[in-house]
Amino acid sequence: MKEGPTIAPLAALIGDPARANMLTALMDGRALTVSELAQAAGIALPTASEHLGKLESAGLLAAAKQGRHRYFRLSGPDVADVLEGLMGLAQRTGATRTRTGPKDPALREARVCYDHLAGEKGVALFDGLVQQGFLTPLDTPTLTETGRGFFAGLGFDLPSLGRGRRPLCRHCLDWSERRAHLGGALGAETLAFIGAQGWAKREPGRVVRFTPSGAKAFAATFRLAPYRTAENPA
């Protein structure tokens, strides 16, 4: 007897290489045009339009028209969570590219996962919040009273964040670290806070580039232990 949601159609949609490349290109939360996504997938415009129509019909993408262009984005953070999880599974099982590019170390250090911080710095943030008792280490993490006080002290409007449709806190399995980083409304607000402080800038693609002083300020503000990077191996 078949029970629960049918995952095979969605898995088949995501599993196509061209569609997978287009979905991955949208993992930084941006909305892209058909031509931009065709370039990301390495396919012709008519083929890209066909693929995007299937992804939109399945509810994986949302589209909006502005001027002469039609823009596509992921339909929600849950789509990004699934993609990030699949990337982690591919990494664990050895289904990775044989040739690495110059952006790979930067992606591993800090990147955008839809609208929150991922990579080494994202995992360090999540671990630090748990170790300091700001966040409970549960399947559905929650802010403790101490944690609420900490984020309120940074100027976070927690009541407003808690009124949204998405959970305030959730963990997202990081594909490169294979451990959790902070998602949810608080994760998105934290990434916005990092940018507002001038600690880091988003580069083309998913890379989040911290300045040396920004990396120190990030670690000091969130009281994080030193983490390993290419520049700081110890």
C-alpha atoms as a PDB file:
ATOM      1  CA  MET A   1       0.000   0.000   0.000  1.00  0.00           C
ATOM      2  CA  LYS A   2       1.312   3.431  -0.953  1.00  0.00           C
ATOM      3  CA  GLU A   3       1.299   5.994   1.831  1.00  0.00           C
ATOM      4  CA  GLY A   4       2.477   9.589   2.145  1.00  0.00           C
ATOM      5  CA  PRO A   5       3.593  12.030  -0.546  1.00  0.00           C
ATOM      6  CA  THR A   6       4.885  10.762  -3.869  1.00  0.00           C
ATOM      7  CA  ILE A   7       8.508  11.829  -4.187  1.00  0.00           C
ATOM      8  CA  ALA A   8       9.420  10.138  -7.481  1.00  0.00           C
ATOM      9  CA  PRO A   9       8.105  12.902  -9.815  1.00  0.00           C
ATOM     10  CA  LEU A  10       9.897  15.621  -7.855  1.00  0.00           C
ATOM     11  CA  ALA A  11      13.082  13.555  -7.679  1.00  0.00           C
ATOM     12  CA  ALA A  12      12.967  13.043 -11.446  1.00  0.00           C
ATOM     13  CA  LEU A  13      12.554  16.785 -12.012  1.00  0.00           C
ATOM     14  CA  ILE A  14      15.459  17.703  -9.753  1.00  0.00           C
ATOM     15  CA  GLY A  15      17.628  14.856 -11.053  1.00  0.00           C
ATOM     16  CA  ASP A  16      17.868  16.170 -14.615  1.00  0.00           C
ATOM     17  CA  PRO A  17      21.345  17.770 -14.940  1.00  0.00           C
ATOM     18  CA  ALA A  18      20.136  20.936 -16.668  1.00  0.00           C
ATOM     19  CA  ARG A  19      17.311  21.476 -14.175  1.00  0.00           C
ATOM     20  CA  ALA A  20      19.643  20.718 -11.269  1.00  0.00           C
ATOM     21  CA  ASN A  21      22.071  23.372 -12.504  1.00  0.00           C
ATOM     22  CA  MET A  22      19.282  25.937 -12.812  1.00  0.00           C
ATOM     23  CA  LEU A  23      17.969  25.174  -9.331  1.00  0.00           C
ATOM     24  CA  THR A  24      21.479  25.431  -7.905  1.00  0.00           C
ATOM     25  CA  ALA A  25      21.951  28.813  -9.598  1.00  0.00           C
ATOM     26  CA  LEU A  26      18.920  30.054  -7.640  1.00  0.00           C
ATOM     27  CA  MET A  27      20.261  28.858  -4.289  1.00  0.00           C
ATOM     28  CA  ASP A  28      21.478  32.347  -3.378  1.00  0.00           C
ATOM     29  CA  GLY A  29      17.899  33.621  -3.209  1.00  0.00           C
ATOM     30  CA  ARG A  30      18.048  35.782  -6.332  1.00  0.00           C
ATOM     31  CA  ALA A  31      15.506  35.824  -9.147  1.00  0.00           C
ATOM     32  CA  LEU A  32      17.068  35.155 -12.563  1.00  0.00           C
ATOM     33  CA  THR A  33      15.848  35.477 -16.140  1.00  0.00           C
ATOM     34  CA  VAL A  34      15.406  32.603 -18.564  1.00  0.00           C
ATOM     35  CA  SER A  35      18.567  33.588 -20.444  1.00  0.00           C
ATOM     36  CA  GLU A  36      20.608  33.726 -17.232  1.00  0.00           C
ATOM     37  CA  LEU A  37      19.365  30.299 -16.191  1.00  0.00           C
ATOM     38  CA  ALA A  38      19.963  28.898 -19.679  1.00  0.00           C
ATOM     39  CA  GLN A  39      23.556  30.083 -19.419  1.00  0.00           C
ATOM     40  CA  ALA A  40      23.905  28.523 -15.959  1.00  0.00           C
ATOM     41  CA  ALA A  41      22.666  25.204 -17.322  1.00  0.00           C
ATOM     42  CA  GLY A  42      24.594  25.403 -20.616  1.00  0.00           C
ATOM     43  CA  ILE A  43      21.472  24.881 -22.736  1.00  0.00           C
ATOM     44  CA  ALA A  44      19.520  26.782 -25.396  1.00  0.00           C
ATOM     45  CA  LEU A  45      16.765  29.244 -24.483  1.00  0.00           C
ATOM     46  CA  PRO A  46      13.835  27.128 -25.791  1.00  0.00           C
ATOM     47  CA  THR A  47      15.068  24.122 -23.828  1.00  0.00           C
ATOM     48  CA  ALA A  48      15.522  26.236 -20.712  1.00  0.00           C
ATOM     49  CA  SER A  49      11.989  27.611 -21.032  1.00  0.00           C
ATOM     50  CA  GLU A  50      10.623  24.077 -21.249  1.00  0.00           C
ATOM     51  CA  HIS A  51      12.528  22.975 -18.159  1.00  0.00           C
ATOM     52  CA  LEU A  52      11.492  26.068 -16.196  1.00  0.00           C
ATOM     53  CA  GLY A  53       7.856  25.503 -17.090  1.00  0.00           C
ATOM     54  CA  LYS A  54       8.029  22.019 -15.608  1.00  0.00           C
ATOM     55  CA  LEU A  55       9.710  23.245 -12.437  1.00  0.00           C
ATOM     56  CA  GLU A  56       7.144  26.021 -12.044  1.00  0.00           C
ATOM     57  CA  SER A  57       4.224  23.644 -12.602  1.00  0.00           C
ATOM     58  CA  ALA A  58       5.628  21.345  -9.925  1.00  0.00           C
ATOM     59  CA  GLY A  59       5.753  24.199  -7.430  1.00  0.00           C
ATOM     60  CA  LEU A  60       9.540  24.273  -7.141  1.00  0.00           C
ATOM     61  CA  LEU A  61       9.839  27.690  -8.774  1.00  0.00           C
ATOM     62  CA  ALA A  62       7.857  30.913  -8.662  1.00  0.00           C
ATOM     63  CA  ALA A  63       7.840  33.328 -11.608  1.00  0.00           C
ATOM     64  CA  ALA A  64       7.197  37.042 -11.955  1.00  0.00           C
ATOM     65  CA  LYS A  65       7.221  39.286 -15.012  1.00  0.00           C
ATOM     66  CA  GLN A  66       8.942  42.649 -14.958  1.00  0.00           C
ATOM     67  CA  GLY A  67       9.156  44.630 -18.182  1.00  0.00           C
ATOM     68  CA  ARG A  68      10.201  42.368 -21.026  1.00  0.00           C
ATOM     69  CA  HIS A  69      11.700  39.738 -18.772  1.00  0.00           C
ATOM     70  CA  ARG A  70      10.295  36.871 -16.771  1.00  0.00           C
ATOM     71  CA  TYR A  71      12.162  36.139 -13.548  1.00  0.00           C
ATOM     72  CA  PHE A  72      12.318  32.821 -11.724  1.00  0.00           C
ATOM     73  CA  ARG A  73      13.213  32.113  -8.104  1.00  0.00           C
ATOM     74  CA  LEU A  74      12.906  29.172  -5.742  1.00  0.00           C
ATOM     75  CA  SER A  75       9.364  28.959  -4.414  1.00  0.00           C
ATOM     76  CA  GLY A  76      10.511  28.849  -0.803  1.00  0.00           C
ATOM     77  CA  PRO A  77      13.288  28.042   1.667  1.00  0.00           C
ATOM     78  CA  ASP A  78      12.131  24.432   1.888  1.00  0.00           C
ATOM     79  CA  VAL A  79      13.240  23.923  -1.718  1.00  0.00           C
ATOM     80  CA  ALA A  80      16.669  25.292  -0.819  1.00  0.00           C
ATOM     81  CA  ASP A  81      16.811  22.977   2.203  1.00  0.00           C
ATOM     82  CA  VAL A  82      16.169  19.937   0.002  1.00  0.00           C
ATOM     83  CA  LEU A  83      18.816  21.008  -2.513  1.00  0.00           C
ATOM     84  CA  GLU A  84      21.369  21.643   0.246  1.00  0.00           C
ATOM     85  CA  GLY A  85      20.625  18.200   1.677  1.00  0.00           C
ATOM     86  CA  LEU A  86      21.075  16.548  -1.717  1.00  0.00           C
ATOM     87  CA  MET A  87      24.399  18.337  -2.140  1.00  0.00           C
ATOM     88  CA  GLY A  88      25.510  16.943   1.202  1.00  0.00           C
ATOM     89  CA  LEU A  89      24.444  13.433   0.188  1.00  0.00           C
ATOM     90  CA  ALA A  90      26.310  13.771  -3.112  1.00  0.00           C
ATOM     91  CA  GLN A  91      29.406  14.916  -1.235  1.00  0.00           C
ATOM     92  CA  ARG A  92      29.217  12.014   1.235  1.00  0.00           C
ATOM     93  CA  THR A  93      28.678   9.364  -1.431  1.00  0.00           C
ATOM     94  CA  GLY A  94      31.397  10.678  -3.728  1.00  0.00           C
ATOM     95  CA  ALA A  95      29.124  12.068  -6.448  1.00  0.00           C
ATOM     96  CA  THR A  96      31.223  15.224  -6.860  1.00  0.00           C
ATOM     97  CA  ARG A  97      32.902  17.034  -9.719  1.00  0.00           C
ATOM     98  CA  THR A  98      36.369  15.726 -10.506  1.00  0.00           C
ATOM     99  CA  ARG A  99      37.718  19.214 -11.261  1.00  0.00           C
ATOM    100  CA  THR A 100      37.439  21.978  -8.702  1.00  0.00           C
ATOM    101  CA  GLY A 101      37.369  25.683  -9.431  1.00  0.00           C
ATOM    102  CA  PRO A 102      38.799  28.714  -7.644  1.00  0.00           C
ATOM    103  CA  LYS A 103      35.453  29.463  -6.004  1.00  0.00           C
ATOM    104  CA  ASP A 104      35.229  26.098  -4.247  1.00  0.00           C
ATOM    105  CA  PRO A 105      37.309  27.067  -1.164  1.00  0.00           C
ATOM    106  CA  ALA A 106      35.373  30.338  -0.896  1.00  0.00           C
ATOM    107  CA  LEU A 107      32.053  28.492  -1.145  1.00  0.00           C
ATOM    108  CA  ARG A 108      33.124  26.152   1.629  1.00  0.00           C
ATOM    109  CA  GLU A 109      34.157  29.007   3.883  1.00  0.00           C
ATOM    110  CA  ALA A 110      31.022  31.147   3.563  1.00  0.00           C
ATOM    111  CA  ARG A 111      28.122  31.131   1.128  1.00  0.00           C
ATOM    112  CA  VAL A 112      24.432  31.922   0.859  1.00  0.00           C
ATOM    113  CA  CYS A 113      21.943  29.099   1.331  1.00  0.00           C
ATOM    114  CA  TYR A 114      18.823  30.803  -0.052  1.00  0.00           C
ATOM    115  CA  ASP A 115      18.833  33.664   2.497  1.00  0.00           C
ATOM    116  CA  HIS A 116      21.031  32.508   5.371  1.00  0.00           C
ATOM    117  CA  LEU A 117      24.719  31.879   6.024  1.00  0.00           C
ATOM    118  CA  ALA A 118      26.224  28.487   5.179  1.00  0.00           C
ATOM    119  CA  GLY A 119      29.695  26.976   5.001  1.00  0.00           C
ATOM    120  CA  GLU A 120      32.355  26.962   7.725  1.00  0.00           C
ATOM    121  CA  LYS A 121      31.236  30.281   9.165  1.00  0.00           C
ATOM    122  CA  GLY A 122      27.572  29.284   9.154  1.00  0.00           C
ATOM    123  CA  VAL A 123      28.326  26.057  11.015  1.00  0.00           C
ATOM    124  CA  ALA A 124      30.604  27.908  13.448  1.00  0.00           C
ATOM    125  CA  LEU A 125      27.751  30.324  14.166  1.00  0.00           C
ATOM    126  CA  PHE A 126      25.271  27.520  14.856  1.00  0.00           C
ATOM    127  CA  ASP A 127      27.732  25.600  17.047  1.00  0.00           C
ATOM    128  CA  GLY A 128      28.635  28.740  18.974  1.00  0.00           C
ATOM    129  CA  LEU A 129      25.013  29.611  19.689  1.00  0.00           C
ATOM    130  CA  VAL A 130      24.374  26.084  20.995  1.00  0.00           C
ATOM    131  CA  GLN A 131      27.550  25.952  23.094  1.00  0.00           C
ATOM    132  CA  GLN A 132      26.720  29.266  24.759  1.00  0.00           C
ATOM    133  CA  GLY A 133      23.201  28.148  25.593  1.00  0.00           C
ATOM    134  CA  PHE A 134      21.560  30.639  23.240  1.00  0.00           C
ATOM    135  CA  LEU A 135      20.020  27.879  21.125  1.00  0.00           C
ATOM    136  CA  THR A 136      18.730  24.462  22.134  1.00  0.00           C
ATOM    137  CA  PRO A 137      20.404  21.519  20.319  1.00  0.00           C
ATOM    138  CA  LEU A 138      17.098  19.927  19.294  1.00  0.00           C
ATOM    139  CA  ASP A 139      15.728  18.641  15.988  1.00  0.00           C
ATOM    140  CA  THR A 140      13.704  21.854  15.999  1.00  0.00           C
ATOM    141  CA  PRO A 141      16.070  24.319  17.702  1.00  0.00           C
ATOM    142  CA  THR A 142      14.607  27.154  19.751  1.00  0.00           C
ATOM    143  CA  LEU A 143      16.056  30.303  21.253  1.00  0.00           C
ATOM    144  CA  THR A 144      16.500  30.197  25.006  1.00  0.00           C
ATOM    145  CA  GLU A 145      15.690  33.215  27.155  1.00  0.00           C
ATOM    146  CA  THR A 146      19.417  33.968  27.260  1.00  0.00           C
ATOM    147  CA  GLY A 147      19.542  33.720  23.491  1.00  0.00           C
ATOM    148  CA  ARG A 148      16.583  36.050  23.124  1.00  0.00           C
ATOM    149  CA  GLY A 149      18.325  38.574  25.312  1.00  0.00           C
ATOM    150  CA  PHE A 150      21.512  38.269  23.280  1.00  0.00           C
ATOM    151  CA  PHE A 151      19.847  38.861  19.908  1.00  0.00           C
ATOM    152  CA  ALA A 152      17.618  41.607  21.287  1.00  0.00           C
ATOM    153  CA  GLY A 153      20.806  43.296  22.482  1.00  0.00           C
ATOM    154  CA  LEU A 154      22.044  43.288  18.886  1.00  0.00           C
ATOM    155  CA  GLY A 155      18.854  45.041  17.795  1.00  0.00           C
ATOM    156  CA  PHE A 156      16.997  42.047  16.349  1.00  0.00           C
ATOM    157  CA  ASP A 157      13.204  42.479  16.400  1.00  0.00           C
ATOM    158  CA  LEU A 158      12.390  38.953  17.563  1.00  0.00           C
ATOM    159  CA  PRO A 159       8.617  39.486  17.983  1.00  0.00           C
ATOM    160  CA  SER A 160       8.330  40.551  14.338  1.00  0.00           C
ATOM    161  CA  LEU A 161      10.505  37.665  13.168  1.00  0.00           C
ATOM    162  CA  GLY A 162       8.385  35.223  15.166  1.00  0.00           C
ATOM    163  CA  ARG A 163       5.160  36.371  13.534  1.00  0.00           C
ATOM    164  CA  GLY A 164       6.163  35.234  10.068  1.00  0.00           C
ATOM    165  CA  ARG A 165       5.064  32.048   8.363  1.00  0.00           C
ATOM    166  CA  ARG A 166       8.482  30.408   8.579  1.00  0.00           C
ATOM    167  CA  PRO A 167       9.942  29.122  11.852  1.00  0.00           C
ATOM    168  CA  LEU A 168      12.138  31.497  13.827  1.00  0.00           C
ATOM    169  CA  CYS A 169      14.951  28.943  14.042  1.00  0.00           C
ATOM    170  CA  ARG A 170      15.693  25.789  12.166  1.00  0.00           C
ATOM    171  CA  HIS A 171      18.811  23.858  11.334  1.00  0.00           C
ATOM    172  CA  CYS A 172      19.798  23.205   7.750  1.00  0.00           C
ATOM    173  CA  LEU A 173      22.244  20.421   6.919  1.00  0.00           C
ATOM    174  CA  ASP A 174      25.342  22.012   5.371  1.00  0.00           C
ATOM    175  CA  TRP A 175      26.522  20.179   2.263  1.00  0.00           C
ATOM    176  CA  SER A 176      30.226  20.940   2.677  1.00  0.00           C
ATOM    177  CA  GLU A 177      30.499  20.638   6.468  1.00  0.00           C
ATOM    178  CA  ARG A 178      27.833  17.907   6.847  1.00  0.00           C
ATOM    179  CA  ARG A 179      26.675  19.577  10.038  1.00  0.00           C
ATOM    180  CA  ALA A 180      23.946  22.079  10.782  1.00  0.00           C
ATOM    181  CA  HIS A 181      23.935  25.785  10.059  1.00  0.00           C
ATOM    182  CA  LEU A 182      21.254  28.241  11.174  1.00  0.00           C
ATOM    183  CA  GLY A 183      18.228  28.685   8.923  1.00  0.00           C
ATOM    184  CA  GLY A 184      14.758  30.086   9.476  1.00  0.00           C
ATOM    185  CA  ALA A 185      13.823  33.716   9.979  1.00  0.00           C
ATOM    186  CA  LEU A 186      16.637  34.236  12.481  1.00  0.00           C
ATOM    187  CA  GLY A 187      19.205  32.820  10.058  1.00  0.00           C
ATOM    188  CA  ALA A 188      17.999  35.181   7.328  1.00  0.00           C
ATOM    189  CA  GLU A 189      18.064  38.173   9.676  1.00  0.00           C
ATOM    190  CA  THR A 190      21.568  37.253  10.859  1.00  0.00           C
ATOM    191  CA  LEU A 191      22.897  37.236   7.287  1.00  0.00           C
ATOM    192  CA  ALA A 192      21.228  40.615   6.693  1.00  0.00           C
ATOM    193  CA  PHE A 193      22.832  41.890   9.917  1.00  0.00           C
ATOM    194  CA  ILE A 194      26.278  40.745   8.756  1.00  0.00           C
ATOM    195  CA  GLY A 195      25.851  42.649   5.513  1.00  0.00           C
ATOM    196  CA  ALA A 196      24.528  45.758   7.264  1.00  0.00           C
ATOM    197  CA  GLN A 197      27.620  45.836   9.482  1.00  0.00           C
ATOM    198  CA  GLY A 198      29.856  45.793   6.422  1.00  0.00           C
ATOM    199  CA  TRP A 199      31.594  42.624   7.578  1.00  0.00           C
ATOM    200  CA  ALA A 200      31.055  40.762   4.324  1.00  0.00           C
ATOM    201  CA  LYS A 201      29.771  41.209   0.788  1.00  0.00           C
ATOM    202  CA  ARG A 202      27.919  38.827  -1.459  1.00  0.00           C
ATOM    203  CA  GLU A 203      29.847  38.062  -4.623  1.00  0.00           C
ATOM    204  CA  PRO A 204      28.420  36.754  -7.914  1.00  0.00           C
ATOM    205  CA  GLY A 205      27.053  33.309  -7.269  1.00  0.00           C
ATOM    206  CA  ARG A 206      26.704  32.121  -3.688  1.00  0.00           C
ATOM    207  CA  VAL A 207      29.989  33.286  -2.180  1.00  0.00           C
ATOM    208  CA  VAL A 208      29.933  35.520   0.907  1.00  0.00           C
ATOM    209  CA  ARG A 209      33.319  37.239   1.182  1.00  0.00           C
ATOM    210  CA  PHE A 210      34.288  38.438   4.653  1.00  0.00           C
ATOM    211  CA  THR A 211      36.917  41.134   5.056  1.00  0.00           C
ATOM    212  CA  PRO A 212      39.695  40.284   7.546  1.00  0.00           C
ATOM    213  CA  SER A 213      38.339  42.833  10.020  1.00  0.00           C
ATOM    214  CA  GLY A 214      34.787  41.677   9.319  1.00  0.00           C
ATOM    215  CA  ALA A 215      35.669  38.065  10.102  1.00  0.00           C
ATOM    216  CA  LYS A 216      37.139  39.152  13.439  1.00  0.00           C
ATOM    217  CA  ALA A 217      34.114  41.320  14.249  1.00  0.00           C
ATOM    218  CA  PHE A 218      31.750  38.471  13.327  1.00  0.00           C
ATOM    219  CA  ALA A 219      33.560  36.035  15.626  1.00  0.00           C
ATOM    220  CA  ALA A 220      33.810  38.578  18.443  1.00  0.00           C
ATOM    221  CA  THR A 221      30.166  39.703  18.249  1.00  0.00           C
ATOM    222  CA  PHE A 222      28.791  36.171  18.295  1.00  0.00           C
ATOM    223  CA  ARG A 223      31.508  34.985  20.717  1.00  0.00           C
ATOM    224  CA  LEU A 224      32.730  32.232  18.426  1.00  0.00           C
ATOM    225  CA  ALA A 225      35.788  30.071  18.886  1.00  0.00           C
ATOM    226  CA  PRO A 226      38.424  30.341  16.136  1.00  0.00           C
ATOM    227  CA  TYR A 227      37.491  28.317  13.070  1.00  0.00           C
ATOM    228  CA  ARG A 228      39.677  26.855  10.384  1.00  0.00           C
ATOM    229  CA  THR A 229      40.114  28.576   7.035  1.00  0.00           C
ATOM    230  CA  ALA A 230      42.717  28.408   4.299  1.00  0.00           C
ATOM    231  CA  GLU A 231      44.339  31.498   5.816  1.00  0.00           C
ATOM    232  CA  ASN A 232      43.960  30.291   9.418  1.00  0.00           C
ATOM    233  CA  PRO A 233      44.556  26.518   9.453  1.00  0.00           C
ATOM    234  CA  ALA A 234      45.004  26.215  13.206  1.00  0.00           C
END
